[in-house]
Protein backbone atom coordinates (compact mmCIF):
# COMPACT_ATOMS: atom_id res chain seq x y z
CA LEU A 1 0.03 -0.29 -0.35
CA GLY A 2 2.93 2.25 0.39
CA GLU A 3 3.67 2.46 -2.92
CA GLN A 4 0.45 3.30 -4.38
CA VAL A 5 0.01 6.49 -1.66
CA ARG A 6 3.34 7.65 -1.26
CA ASN A 7 2.67 10.83 -3.60
CA GLN A 8 -0.43 11.01 -1.78
CA LEU A 9 -0.37 11.13 1.35
CA LEU A 10 2.26 13.56 3.71
CA TYR A 11 3.82 12.18 6.26
CA VAL A 12 4.81 14.52 9.45
CA PRO A 13 5.71 12.60 13.15
CA THR A 14 4.78 14.70 16.25
CA VAL A 15 4.95 14.85 19.34
CA THR A 16 4.45 17.75 22.39
CA ARG A 17 6.25 15.79 25.59
CA GLN A 18 9.87 15.24 23.76
CA ARG A 19 12.59 17.04 22.02
CA PHE A 20 11.78 15.67 18.51
CA ARG A 21 12.58 16.67 15.07
CA HIS A 22 8.89 18.32 15.16
CA GLU A 23 7.44 19.23 18.20
CA GLY A 24 3.73 20.70 19.54
CA ARG A 25 0.04 19.68 18.78
CA VAL A 26 -0.89 19.40 15.71
CA THR A 27 -3.25 22.56 16.24
CA THR A 28 -1.03 24.85 17.18
CA LEU A 29 1.22 22.85 14.22
CA ILE A 30 -1.87 23.93 12.04
CA ASP A 31 -2.55 28.18 13.45
CA THR A 32 1.29 28.80 13.40
CA GLY A 33 1.47 27.74 9.70
CA LYS A 34 4.34 25.56 10.70
CA LEU A 35 2.91 22.03 9.51
CA PHE A 36 2.71 23.76 6.17
CA GLU A 37 5.97 24.88 6.17
CA THR A 38 7.45 21.52 7.09
CA LEU A 39 5.93 20.15 4.32
CA GLY A 40 6.11 22.98 2.07
CA ILE A 41 2.26 22.99 0.81
CA LEU A 42 0.09 25.37 0.71
CA PRO A 43 -2.35 25.71 4.36
CA LEU A 44 -5.71 24.32 4.30
CA ASP A 45 -8.13 25.08 1.66
CA PRO A 46 -11.97 23.93 1.83
CA GLU A 47 -12.18 24.67 -2.24
CA ALA A 48 -9.20 21.91 -2.95
CA ASP A 49 -8.69 19.83 0.30
CA ARG A 50 -10.35 17.58 2.64
CA ALA A 51 -9.58 16.50 6.55
CA MET A 52 -10.78 13.14 8.18
CA ILE A 53 -10.37 14.11 12.25
CA CYS A 54 -9.76 11.44 15.24
CA GLY A 55 -8.30 11.35 18.53
CA SER A 56 -10.43 12.40 21.83
CA PRO A 57 -13.30 14.66 22.09
CA ALA A 58 -11.57 17.41 23.80
CA MET A 59 -8.86 16.96 20.39
CA LEU A 60 -12.30 16.74 17.41
CA THR A 61 -13.70 19.67 19.53
CA GLU A 62 -10.30 21.66 19.17
CA LEU A 63 -9.75 20.75 15.20
CA SER A 64 -13.57 21.14 14.69
CA GLU A 65 -13.33 23.93 15.01
CA LEU A 66 -9.95 25.32 13.63
CA LEU A 67 -11.54 23.47 10.68
CA LYS A 68 -14.35 25.54 10.67
CA GLU A 69 -12.44 29.53 11.63
CA ARG A 70 -10.82 27.80 8.01
CA GLY A 71 -14.42 27.86 5.60
CA PHE A 72 -14.72 24.22 6.14
CA ARG A 73 -17.85 22.67 7.14
CA GLN A 74 -18.66 19.23 9.11
CA SER A 75 -20.46 16.72 7.31
CA ALA A 76 -23.07 15.33 9.71
CA HIS A 77 -24.15 11.18 8.27
CA VAL A 78 -23.08 8.69 6.86
CA GLY A 79 -23.89 10.02 2.91
CA ASP A 80 -24.13 14.05 3.69
CA PRO A 81 -21.85 16.38 1.91
CA GLY A 82 -18.54 18.24 3.47
CA ASP A 83 -15.45 19.35 3.87
CA TYR A 84 -14.05 17.27 6.68
CA VAL A 85 -16.05 13.70 8.59
CA ILE A 86 -14.81 13.14 12.62
CA GLU A 87 -14.47 9.88 13.40
CA ARG A 88 -16.88 8.69 15.85
CA ALA A 89 -15.33 5.97 18.01
CA PHE A 90 -15.84 8.57 21.70
CA VAL A 91 -19.13 9.69 20.51
CA ALA A 92 -21.84 9.56 22.85
CA ARG A 93 -24.73 7.19 21.01
């Protein structure tokens, strides 16, 4: 699978609690533009980009707000159009 997605996915490992070549919360890296600078790409744009976010409930809230501030619309249900989706493992039913 790696060969098939090599030109489509960009991987940036980042940590928050120790020294590493990429340090910081992903939300901070997006806000400051550091993530895009590191990757050599343009910042997020709802006209060209889509996102799937997953993580703790707090992380989902933070990333959702960050995306909304940039004009992204959430797909609320399976099959609904949107610019990003949320992984639902932590969502209370």
